[in-house]
PDB file of N, CA and C in Angstrom:
ATOM      1  N   MET A   1      12.466  -6.608  -8.119  1.00  0.00           N
ATOM      2  CA  MET A   1      12.079  -6.125  -6.809  1.00  0.00           C
ATOM      3  C   MET A   1      12.056  -4.600  -6.831  1.00  0.00           C
ATOM      4  N   GLN A   2      10.990  -4.025  -6.312  1.00  0.00           N
ATOM      5  CA  GLN A   2      10.841  -2.583  -6.201  1.00  0.00           C
ATOM      6  C   GLN A   2      11.105  -2.184  -4.753  1.00  0.00           C
ATOM      7  N   THR A   3      11.526  -0.943  -4.545  1.00  0.00           N
ATOM      8  CA  THR A   3      11.878  -0.470  -3.212  1.00  0.00           C
ATOM      9  C   THR A   3      11.111   0.799  -2.882  1.00  0.00           C
ATOM     10  N   MET A   4      10.600   0.859  -1.648  1.00  0.00           N
ATOM     11  CA  MET A   4       9.941   2.068  -1.150  1.00  0.00           C
ATOM     12  C   MET A   4      10.847   2.645  -0.082  1.00  0.00           C
ATOM     13  N   THR A   5      11.340   3.866  -0.306  1.00  0.00           N
ATOM     14  CA  THR A   5      12.335   4.428   0.602  1.00  0.00           C
ATOM     15  C   THR A   5      11.871   5.682   1.338  1.00  0.00           C
ATOM     16  N   GLN A   6      10.601   6.090   1.215  1.00  0.00           N
ATOM     17  CA  GLN A   6      10.148   7.299   1.889  1.00  0.00           C
ATOM     18  C   GLN A   6       9.805   7.013   3.351  1.00  0.00           C
ATOM     19  N   LEU A   7      10.345   5.986   3.901  1.00  0.00           N
ATOM     20  CA  LEU A   7      10.079   5.564   5.270  1.00  0.00           C
ATOM     21  C   LEU A   7      11.378   5.603   6.062  1.00  0.00           C
ATOM     22  N   PRO A   8      11.299   5.454   7.379  1.00  0.00           N
ATOM     23  CA  PRO A   8      12.538   5.389   8.154  1.00  0.00           C
ATOM     24  C   PRO A   8      13.279   4.062   7.931  1.00  0.00           C
ATOM     25  N   TYR A   9      12.734   3.204   7.097  1.00  0.00           N
ATOM     26  CA  TYR A   9      13.358   1.934   6.724  1.00  0.00           C
ATOM     27  C   TYR A   9      13.008   1.678   5.266  1.00  0.00           C
ATOM     28  N   THR A  10      13.684   0.741   4.643  1.00  0.00           N
ATOM     29  CA  THR A  10      13.438   0.437   3.241  1.00  0.00           C
ATOM     30  C   THR A  10      12.616  -0.827   3.125  1.00  0.00           C
ATOM     31  N   LEU A  11      11.545  -0.760   2.344  1.00  0.00           N
ATOM     32  CA  LEU A  11      10.729  -1.937   2.073  1.00  0.00           C
ATOM     33  C   LEU A  11      11.013  -2.402   0.659  1.00  0.00           C
ATOM     34  N   ASN A  12      11.340  -3.653   0.534  1.00  0.00           N
ATOM     35  CA  ASN A  12      11.577  -4.264  -0.764  1.00  0.00           C
ATOM     36  C   ASN A  12      10.323  -5.022  -1.170  1.00  0.00           C
ATOM     37  N   ILE A  13       9.715  -4.607  -2.264  1.00  0.00           N
ATOM     38  CA  ILE A  13       8.493  -5.248  -2.737  1.00  0.00           C
ATOM     39  C   ILE A  13       8.894  -6.471  -3.559  1.00  0.00           C
ATOM     40  N   PRO A  14       8.613  -7.680  -3.061  1.00  0.00           N
ATOM     41  CA  PRO A  14       9.001  -8.881  -3.800  1.00  0.00           C
ATOM     42  C   PRO A  14       8.352  -8.937  -5.180  1.00  0.00           C
ATOM     43  N   ALA A  15       9.090  -9.410  -6.150  1.00  0.00           N
ATOM     44  CA  ALA A  15       8.597  -9.495  -7.528  1.00  0.00           C
ATOM     45  C   ALA A  15       7.374 -10.403  -7.632  1.00  0.00           C
ATOM     46  N   ASN A  16       7.251 -11.377  -6.739  1.00  0.00           N
ATOM     47  CA  ASN A  16       6.133 -12.310  -6.826  1.00  0.00           C
ATOM     48  C   ASN A  16       4.908 -11.865  -6.022  1.00  0.00           C
ATOM     49  N   LEU A  17       4.951 -10.663  -5.452  1.00  0.00           N
ATOM     50  CA  LEU A  17       3.800 -10.142  -4.720  1.00  0.00           C
ATOM     51  C   LEU A  17       2.799  -9.578  -5.731  1.00  0.00           C
ATOM     52  N   ARG A  18       1.619 -10.157  -5.757  1.00  0.00           N
ATOM     53  CA  ARG A  18       0.580  -9.708  -6.688  1.00  0.00           C
ATOM     54  C   ARG A  18      -0.383  -8.782  -5.956  1.00  0.00           C
ATOM     55  N   PHE A  19      -0.755  -7.687  -6.586  1.00  0.00           N
ATOM     56  CA  PHE A  19      -1.631  -6.714  -5.961  1.00  0.00           C
ATOM     57  C   PHE A  19      -2.969  -7.343  -5.569  1.00  0.00           C
ATOM     58  N   GLU A  20      -3.440  -8.287  -6.340  1.00  0.00           N
ATOM     59  CA  GLU A  20      -4.711  -8.941  -6.067  1.00  0.00           C
ATOM     60  C   GLU A  20      -4.723  -9.617  -4.691  1.00  0.00           C
ATOM     61  N   GLU A  21      -3.538  -9.957  -4.177  1.00  0.00           N
ATOM     62  CA  GLU A  21      -3.444 -10.609  -2.876  1.00  0.00           C
ATOM     63  C   GLU A  21      -3.939  -9.713  -1.738  1.00  0.00           C
ATOM     64  N   PHE A  22      -3.940  -8.402  -1.944  1.00  0.00           N
ATOM     65  CA  PHE A  22      -4.432  -7.492  -0.910  1.00  0.00           C
ATOM     66  C   PHE A  22      -5.949  -7.572  -0.762  1.00  0.00           C
ATOM     67  N   ARG A  23      -6.615  -8.075  -1.784  1.00  0.00           N
ATOM     68  CA  ARG A  23      -8.074  -8.250  -1.787  1.00  0.00           C
ATOM     69  C   ARG A  23      -8.816  -7.011  -1.278  1.00  0.00           C
ATOM     70  N   LEU A  24      -8.567  -5.901  -1.937  1.00  0.00           N
ATOM     71  CA  LEU A  24      -9.229  -4.648  -1.564  1.00  0.00           C
ATOM     72  C   LEU A  24     -10.738  -4.769  -1.719  1.00  0.00           C
ATOM     73  N   GLY A  25     -11.433  -4.206  -0.757  1.00  0.00           N
ATOM     74  CA  GLY A  25     -12.886  -4.181  -0.793  1.00  0.00           C
ATOM     75  C   GLY A  25     -13.384  -2.988  -0.001  1.00  0.00           C
ATOM     76  N   VAL A  26     -14.695  -2.905   0.117  1.00  0.00           N
ATOM     77  CA  VAL A  26     -15.311  -1.846   0.907  1.00  0.00           C
ATOM     78  C   VAL A  26     -16.313  -2.485   1.850  1.00  0.00           C
ATOM     79  N   ALA A  27     -16.179  -2.168   3.134  1.00  0.00           N
ATOM     80  CA  ALA A  27     -17.094  -2.672   4.160  1.00  0.00           C
ATOM     81  C   ALA A  27     -18.424  -1.922   4.076  1.00  0.00           C
ATOM     82  N   PRO A  28     -19.484  -2.475   4.675  1.00  0.00           N
ATOM     83  CA  PRO A  28     -20.783  -1.789   4.665  1.00  0.00           C
ATOM     84  C   PRO A  28     -20.732  -0.366   5.229  1.00  0.00           C
ATOM     85  N   ASP A  29     -19.782  -0.101   6.143  1.00  0.00           N
ATOM     86  CA  ASP A  29     -19.673   1.244   6.715  1.00  0.00           C
ATOM     87  C   ASP A  29     -18.856   2.197   5.835  1.00  0.00           C
ATOM     88  N   GLY A  30     -18.381   1.697   4.671  1.00  0.00           N
ATOM     89  CA  GLY A  30     -17.649   2.540   3.734  1.00  0.00           C
ATOM     90  C   GLY A  30     -16.139   2.498   3.882  1.00  0.00           C
ATOM     91  N   HIS A  31     -15.638   1.843   4.906  1.00  0.00           N
ATOM     92  CA  HIS A  31     -14.186   1.746   5.092  1.00  0.00           C
ATOM     93  C   HIS A  31     -13.582   0.735   4.125  1.00  0.00           C
ATOM     94  N   VAL A  32     -12.368   1.022   3.695  1.00  0.00           N
ATOM     95  CA  VAL A  32     -11.651   0.103   2.815  1.00  0.00           C
ATOM     96  C   VAL A  32     -11.192  -1.101   3.624  1.00  0.00           C
ATOM     97  N   THR A  33     -11.356  -2.270   3.058  1.00  0.00           N
ATOM     98  CA  THR A  33     -10.900  -3.508   3.690  1.00  0.00           C
ATOM     99  C   THR A  33      -9.807  -4.123   2.821  1.00  0.00           C
ATOM    100  N   PHE A  34      -8.947  -4.914   3.454  1.00  0.00           N
ATOM    101  CA  PHE A  34      -7.870  -5.577   2.720  1.00  0.00           C
ATOM    102  C   PHE A  34      -7.335  -6.711   3.580  1.00  0.00           C
ATOM    103  N   ASP A  35      -6.560  -7.564   2.947  1.00  0.00           N
ATOM    104  CA  ASP A  35      -5.914  -8.682   3.630  1.00  0.00           C
ATOM    105  C   ASP A  35      -4.542  -8.214   4.121  1.00  0.00           C
ATOM    106  N   TRP A  36      -4.239  -8.448   5.383  1.00  0.00           N
ATOM    107  CA  TRP A  36      -2.956  -8.035   5.964  1.00  0.00           C
ATOM    108  C   TRP A  36      -1.797  -8.952   5.564  1.00  0.00           C
ATOM    109  N   THR A  37      -2.087 -10.174   5.119  1.00  0.00           N
ATOM    110  CA  THR A  37      -1.036 -11.151   4.832  1.00  0.00           C
ATOM    111  C   THR A  37       0.021 -10.645   3.854  1.00  0.00           C
ATOM    112  N   PRO A  38      -0.345  -9.996   2.739  1.00  0.00           N
ATOM    113  CA  PRO A  38       0.699  -9.489   1.835  1.00  0.00           C
ATOM    114  C   PRO A  38       1.615  -8.458   2.509  1.00  0.00           C
ATOM    115  N   PHE A  39       1.043  -7.623   3.391  1.00  0.00           N
ATOM    116  CA  PHE A  39       1.868  -6.667   4.134  1.00  0.00           C
ATOM    117  C   PHE A  39       2.879  -7.406   5.008  1.00  0.00           C
ATOM    118  N   GLU A  40       2.411  -8.443   5.688  1.00  0.00           N
ATOM    119  CA  GLU A  40       3.299  -9.223   6.556  1.00  0.00           C
ATOM    120  C   GLU A  40       4.434  -9.836   5.739  1.00  0.00           C
ATOM    121  N   ARG A  41       4.102 -10.411   4.584  1.00  0.00           N
ATOM    122  CA  ARG A  41       5.135 -10.987   3.705  1.00  0.00           C
ATOM    123  C   ARG A  41       6.138  -9.934   3.268  1.00  0.00           C
ATOM    124  N   LEU A  42       5.623  -8.757   2.909  1.00  0.00           N
ATOM    125  CA  LEU A  42       6.459  -7.659   2.447  1.00  0.00           C
ATOM    126  C   LEU A  42       7.433  -7.229   3.541  1.00  0.00           C
ATOM    127  N   TYR A  43       6.945  -7.057   4.752  1.00  0.00           N
ATOM    128  CA  TYR A  43       7.805  -6.640   5.866  1.00  0.00           C
ATOM    129  C   TYR A  43       8.838  -7.715   6.188  1.00  0.00           C
ATOM    130  N   GLU A  44       8.402  -8.968   6.231  1.00  0.00           N
ATOM    131  CA  GLU A  44       9.342 -10.061   6.510  1.00  0.00           C
ATOM    132  C   GLU A  44      10.415 -10.146   5.434  1.00  0.00           C
ATOM    133  N   ALA A  45      10.029 -10.015   4.163  1.00  0.00           N
ATOM    134  CA  ALA A  45      10.986 -10.078   3.048  1.00  0.00           C
ATOM    135  C   ALA A  45      11.978  -8.923   3.100  1.00  0.00           C
ATOM    136  N   SER A  46      11.581  -7.821   3.736  1.00  0.00           N
ATOM    137  CA  SER A  46      12.445  -6.646   3.834  1.00  0.00           C
ATOM    138  C   SER A  46      13.294  -6.639   5.096  1.00  0.00           C
ATOM    139  N   GLY A  47      13.085  -7.626   5.954  1.00  0.00           N
ATOM    140  CA  GLY A  47      13.845  -7.671   7.203  1.00  0.00           C
ATOM    141  C   GLY A  47      13.398  -6.625   8.211  1.00  0.00           C
ATOM    142  N   VAL A  48      12.179  -6.115   8.043  1.00  0.00           N
ATOM    143  CA  VAL A  48      11.618  -5.130   8.965  1.00  0.00           C
ATOM    144  C   VAL A  48      10.677  -5.877   9.907  1.00  0.00           C
ATOM    145  N   PRO A  49      10.797  -5.664  11.214  1.00  0.00           N
ATOM    146  CA  PRO A  49       9.909  -6.365  12.141  1.00  0.00           C
ATOM    147  C   PRO A  49       8.430  -6.125  11.802  1.00  0.00           C
ATOM    148  N   VAL A  50       7.658  -7.193  11.744  1.00  0.00           N
ATOM    149  CA  VAL A  50       6.244  -7.095  11.416  1.00  0.00           C
ATOM    150  C   VAL A  50       5.517  -6.218  12.437  1.00  0.00           C
ATOM    151  N   GLU A  51       6.027  -6.157  13.653  1.00  0.00           N
ATOM    152  CA  GLU A  51       5.402  -5.334  14.689  1.00  0.00           C
ATOM    153  C   GLU A  51       5.341  -3.866  14.255  1.00  0.00           C
ATOM    154  N   THR A  52       6.294  -3.447  13.420  1.00  0.00           N
ATOM    155  CA  THR A  52       6.319  -2.078  12.898  1.00  0.00           C
ATOM    156  C   THR A  52       5.033  -1.789  12.130  1.00  0.00           C
ATOM    157  N   LEU A  53       4.539  -2.789  11.454  1.00  0.00           N
ATOM    158  CA  LEU A  53       3.313  -2.657  10.675  1.00  0.00           C
ATOM    159  C   LEU A  53       2.114  -2.375  11.572  1.00  0.00           C
ATOM    160  N   TRP A  54       2.075  -3.017  12.725  1.00  0.00           N
ATOM    161  CA  TRP A  54       0.896  -2.893  13.599  1.00  0.00           C
ATOM    162  C   TRP A  54       0.782  -1.510  14.236  1.00  0.00           C
ATOM    163  N   VAL A  55       1.865  -0.761  14.275  1.00  0.00           N
ATOM    164  CA  VAL A  55       1.808   0.589  14.845  1.00  0.00           C
ATOM    165  C   VAL A  55       1.856   1.666  13.749  1.00  0.00           C
ATOM    166  N   ALA A  56       1.824   1.235  12.499  1.00  0.00           N
ATOM    167  CA  ALA A  56       1.871   2.176  11.377  1.00  0.00           C
ATOM    168  C   ALA A  56       0.576   2.969  11.302  1.00  0.00           C
ATOM    169  N   SER A  57       0.681   4.192  10.847  1.00  0.00           N
ATOM    170  CA  SER A  57      -0.507   5.034  10.692  1.00  0.00           C
ATOM    171  C   SER A  57      -1.347   4.559   9.508  1.00  0.00           C
ATOM    172  N   GLU A  58      -2.579   4.979   9.510  1.00  0.00           N
ATOM    173  CA  GLU A  58      -3.471   4.675   8.389  1.00  0.00           C
ATOM    174  C   GLU A  58      -2.894   5.266   7.103  1.00  0.00           C
ATOM    175  N   GLN A  59      -2.329   6.451   7.210  1.00  0.00           N
ATOM    176  CA  GLN A  59      -1.721   7.119   6.053  1.00  0.00           C
ATOM    177  C   GLN A  59      -0.583   6.261   5.483  1.00  0.00           C
ATOM    178  N   HIS A  60       0.227   5.685   6.346  1.00  0.00           N
ATOM    179  CA  HIS A  60       1.322   4.825   5.889  1.00  0.00           C
ATOM    180  C   HIS A  60       0.775   3.618   5.131  1.00  0.00           C
ATOM    181  N   ILE A  61      -0.244   2.988   5.678  1.00  0.00           N
ATOM    182  CA  ILE A  61      -0.826   1.797   5.044  1.00  0.00           C
ATOM    183  C   ILE A  61      -1.397   2.164   3.675  1.00  0.00           C
ATOM    184  N   VAL A  62      -2.111   3.276   3.596  1.00  0.00           N
ATOM    185  CA  VAL A  62      -2.693   3.705   2.316  1.00  0.00           C
ATOM    186  C   VAL A  62      -1.591   3.994   1.303  1.00  0.00           C
ATOM    187  N   ARG A  63      -0.545   4.694   1.729  1.00  0.00           N
ATOM    188  CA  ARG A  63       0.561   5.000   0.812  1.00  0.00           C
ATOM    189  C   ARG A  63       1.260   3.723   0.337  1.00  0.00           C
ATOM    190  N   LEU A  64       1.393   2.772   1.215  1.00  0.00           N
ATOM    191  CA  LEU A  64       2.012   1.504   0.831  1.00  0.00           C
ATOM    192  C   LEU A  64       1.131   0.746  -0.160  1.00  0.00           C
ATOM    193  N   LEU A  65      -0.179   0.747   0.073  1.00  0.00           N
ATOM    194  CA  LEU A  65      -1.097   0.126  -0.885  1.00  0.00           C
ATOM    195  C   LEU A  65      -0.987   0.800  -2.249  1.00  0.00           C
ATOM    196  N   VAL A  66      -0.940   2.119  -2.254  1.00  0.00           N
ATOM    197  CA  VAL A  66      -0.845   2.870  -3.515  1.00  0.00           C
ATOM    198  C   VAL A  66       0.483   2.574  -4.206  1.00  0.00           C
ATOM    199  N   PHE A  67       1.559   2.487  -3.441  1.00  0.00           N
ATOM    200  CA  PHE A  67       2.863   2.167  -4.018  1.00  0.00           C
ATOM    201  C   PHE A  67       2.813   0.789  -4.695  1.00  0.00           C
ATOM    202  N   CYS A  68       2.239  -0.193  -4.001  1.00  0.00           N
ATOM    203  CA  CYS A  68       2.119  -1.542  -4.575  1.00  0.00           C
ATOM    204  C   CYS A  68       1.202  -1.527  -5.796  1.00  0.00           C
ATOM    205  N   TYR A  69       0.166  -0.720  -5.754  1.00  0.00           N
ATOM    206  CA  TYR A  69      -0.746  -0.602  -6.891  1.00  0.00           C
ATOM    207  C   TYR A  69      -0.023   0.007  -8.095  1.00  0.00           C
ATOM    208  N   ASP A  70       0.780   1.023  -7.864  1.00  0.00           N
ATOM    209  CA  ASP A  70       1.544   1.626  -8.961  1.00  0.00           C
ATOM    210  C   ASP A  70       2.469   0.600  -9.613  1.00  0.00           C
ATOM    211  N   ILE A  71       3.096  -0.226  -8.808  1.00  0.00           N
ATOM    212  CA  ILE A  71       3.951  -1.285  -9.356  1.00  0.00           C
ATOM    213  C   ILE A  71       3.101  -2.255 -10.177  1.00  0.00           C
ATOM    214  N   HIS A  72       1.954  -2.605  -9.646  1.00  0.00           N
ATOM    215  CA  HIS A  72       1.014  -3.486 -10.337  1.00  0.00           C
ATOM    216  C   HIS A  72       0.678  -2.928 -11.724  1.00  0.00           C
ATOM    217  N   LEU A  73       0.380  -1.629 -11.790  1.00  0.00           N
ATOM    218  CA  LEU A  73       0.052  -1.005 -13.075  1.00  0.00           C
ATOM    219  C   LEU A  73       1.255  -1.011 -14.017  1.00  0.00           C
ATOM    220  N   ARG A  74       2.438  -0.719 -13.484  1.00  0.00           N
ATOM    221  CA  ARG A  74       3.648  -0.730 -14.331  1.00  0.00           C
ATOM    222  C   ARG A  74       3.933  -2.113 -14.891  1.00  0.00           C
ATOM    223  N   ARG A  75       3.498  -3.136 -14.175  1.00  0.00           N
ATOM    224  CA  ARG A  75       3.682  -4.519 -14.640  1.00  0.00           C
ATOM    225  C   ARG A  75       2.580  -4.942 -15.605  1.00  0.00           C
ATOM    226  N   GLY A  76       1.696  -4.008 -15.950  1.00  0.00           N
ATOM    227  CA  GLY A  76       0.631  -4.317 -16.902  1.00  0.00           C
ATOM    228  C   GLY A  76      -0.662  -4.782 -16.255  1.00  0.00           C
ATOM    229  N   GLY A  77      -0.777  -4.632 -14.949  1.00  0.00           N
ATOM    230  CA  GLY A  77      -1.983  -5.048 -14.248  1.00  0.00           C
ATOM    231  C   GLY A  77      -3.180  -4.174 -14.572  1.00  0.00           C
ATOM    232  N   LEU A  78      -4.350  -4.717 -14.308  1.00  0.00           N
ATOM    233  CA  LEU A  78      -5.591  -3.995 -14.559  1.00  0.00           C
ATOM    234  C   LEU A  78      -5.854  -2.961 -13.473  1.00  0.00           C
ATOM    235  N   ARG A  79      -6.568  -1.918 -13.864  1.00  0.00           N
ATOM    236  CA  ARG A  79      -6.956  -0.875 -12.908  1.00  0.00           C
ATOM    237  C   ARG A  79      -7.967  -1.444 -11.915  1.00  0.00           C
ATOM    238  N   HIS A  80      -7.929  -0.910 -10.704  1.00  0.00           N
ATOM    239  CA  HIS A  80      -8.809  -1.352  -9.634  1.00  0.00           C
ATOM    240  C   HIS A  80      -9.501  -0.113  -9.084  1.00  0.00           C
ATOM    241  N   PRO A  81     -10.848  -0.064  -9.087  1.00  0.00           N
ATOM    242  CA  PRO A  81     -11.547   1.165  -8.709  1.00  0.00           C
ATOM    243  C   PRO A  81     -11.243   1.646  -7.289  1.00  0.00           C
ATOM    244  N   ILE A  82     -11.114   0.761  -6.336  1.00  0.00           N
ATOM    245  CA  ILE A  82     -10.824   1.172  -4.962  1.00  0.00           C
ATOM    246  C   ILE A  82      -9.400   1.706  -4.868  1.00  0.00           C
ATOM    247  N   ALA A  83      -8.470   1.028  -5.510  1.00  0.00           N
ATOM    248  CA  ALA A  83      -7.078   1.485  -5.504  1.00  0.00           C
ATOM    249  C   ALA A  83      -6.958   2.833  -6.209  1.00  0.00           C
ATOM    250  N   GLU A  84      -7.740   3.049  -7.264  1.00  0.00           N
ATOM    251  CA  GLU A  84      -7.721   4.341  -7.959  1.00  0.00           C
ATOM    252  C   GLU A  84      -8.183   5.454  -7.024  1.00  0.00           C
ATOM    253  N   THR A  85      -9.198   5.182  -6.231  1.00  0.00           N
ATOM    254  CA  THR A  85      -9.695   6.164  -5.271  1.00  0.00           C
ATOM    255  C   THR A  85      -8.633   6.480  -4.228  1.00  0.00           C
ATOM    256  N   LEU A  86      -7.963   5.445  -3.718  1.00  0.00           N
ATOM    257  CA  LEU A  86      -6.884   5.661  -2.742  1.00  0.00           C
ATOM    258  C   LEU A  86      -5.756   6.471  -3.365  1.00  0.00           C
ATOM    259  N   ARG A  87      -5.451   6.161  -4.590  1.00  0.00           N
ATOM    260  CA  ARG A  87      -4.381   6.865  -5.311  1.00  0.00           C
ATOM    261  C   ARG A  87      -4.705   8.352  -5.451  1.00  0.00           C
ATOM    262  N   MET A  88      -5.957   8.658  -5.801  1.00  0.00           N
ATOM    263  CA  MET A  88      -6.369  10.059  -5.927  1.00  0.00           C
ATOM    264  C   MET A  88      -6.326  10.752  -4.566  1.00  0.00           C
ATOM    265  N   SER A  89      -6.694  10.044  -3.524  1.00  0.00           N
ATOM    266  CA  SER A  89      -6.665  10.607  -2.174  1.00  0.00           C
ATOM    267  C   SER A  89      -5.242  10.991  -1.772  1.00  0.00           C
ATOM    268  N   VAL A  90      -4.277  10.123  -2.055  1.00  0.00           N
ATOM    269  CA  VAL A  90      -2.877  10.406  -1.747  1.00  0.00           C
ATOM    270  C   VAL A  90      -2.378  11.581  -2.574  1.00  0.00           C
ATOM    271  N   ALA A  91      -2.737  11.615  -3.848  1.00  0.00           N
ATOM    272  CA  ALA A  91      -2.308  12.722  -4.717  1.00  0.00           C
ATOM    273  C   ALA A  91      -2.879  14.044  -4.209  1.00  0.00           C
ATOM    274  N   LEU A  92      -4.135  14.041  -3.791  1.00  0.00           N
ATOM    275  CA  LEU A  92      -4.756  15.259  -3.269  1.00  0.00           C
ATOM    276  C   LEU A  92      -4.087  15.693  -1.973  1.00  0.00           C
ATOM    277  N   GLU A  93      -3.796  14.743  -1.123  1.00  0.00           N
ATOM    278  CA  GLU A  93      -3.102  15.037   0.143  1.00  0.00           C
ATOM    279  C   GLU A  93      -1.730  15.652  -0.130  1.00  0.00           C
ATOM    280  N   ASP A  94      -1.016  15.097  -1.091  1.00  0.00           N
ATOM    281  CA  ASP A  94       0.299  15.631  -1.450  1.00  0.00           C
ATOM    282  C   ASP A  94       0.180  17.042  -2.027  1.00  0.00           C
ATOM    283  N   PHE A  95      -0.859  17.267  -2.815  1.00  0.00           N
ATOM    284  CA  PHE A  95      -1.070  18.578  -3.432  1.00  0.00           C
ATOM    285  C   PHE A  95      -1.418  19.628  -2.383  1.00  0.00           C
ATOM    286  N   GLU A  96      -2.289  19.263  -1.433  1.00  0.00           N
ATOM    287  CA  GLU A  96      -2.733  20.218  -0.418  1.00  0.00           C
ATOM    288  C   GLU A  96      -1.691  20.480   0.654  1.00  0.00           C
ATOM    289  N   GLY A  97      -0.820  19.515   0.882  1.00  0.00           N
ATOM    290  CA  GLY A  97       0.218  19.675   1.892  1.00  0.00           C
ATOM    291  C   GLY A  97      -0.221  19.156   3.254  1.00  0.00           C
ATOM    292  N   PRO A  98       0.697  19.091   4.185  1.00  0.00           N
ATOM    293  CA  PRO A  98       0.461  18.471   5.492  1.00  0.00           C
ATOM    294  C   PRO A  98      -0.520  19.220   6.397  1.00  0.00           C
ATOM    295  N   GLU A  99      -0.744  20.504   6.157  1.00  0.00           N
ATOM    296  CA  GLU A  99      -1.611  21.260   7.066  1.00  0.00           C
ATOM    297  C   GLU A  99      -3.089  20.988   6.858  1.00  0.00           C
ATOM    298  N   HIS A 100      -3.469  20.244   5.821  1.00  0.00           N
ATOM    299  CA  HIS A 100      -4.890  19.944   5.582  1.00  0.00           C
ATOM    300  C   HIS A 100      -5.260  18.601   6.098  1.00  0.00           C
TER     301      HIS A 100
END
C-alpha cells in the first residue's frame, strides 16, 4: 500500500488498485476523461468521506492521478501518453510555482 500525504488527510493507495481502472481518455473537446470509481474505492479504503472527492479541485484530482500513475510505473506498468502529459503538467506547475 502506498500513501499520499500532501493533503489535509492521508490517502492509502490499495495494492490491488490498477492504474488502468481509471480509463484515462480524451473527450472531443480536449478535456481528459476518466472513471471516478477507482477514486471512490481509494477514498473509501482510506476512511476519507467520498464527499471530499466531489469538492476537490481539478488540481487535486490531477495530482492524485499522477501519484497513482507513478506507483503504476514503479510496479513495472507501461507508460500511458495521457498520464505522461498530466505528469509533465504537474512538474511544470511545481517548477513555476503557485503564482502562475
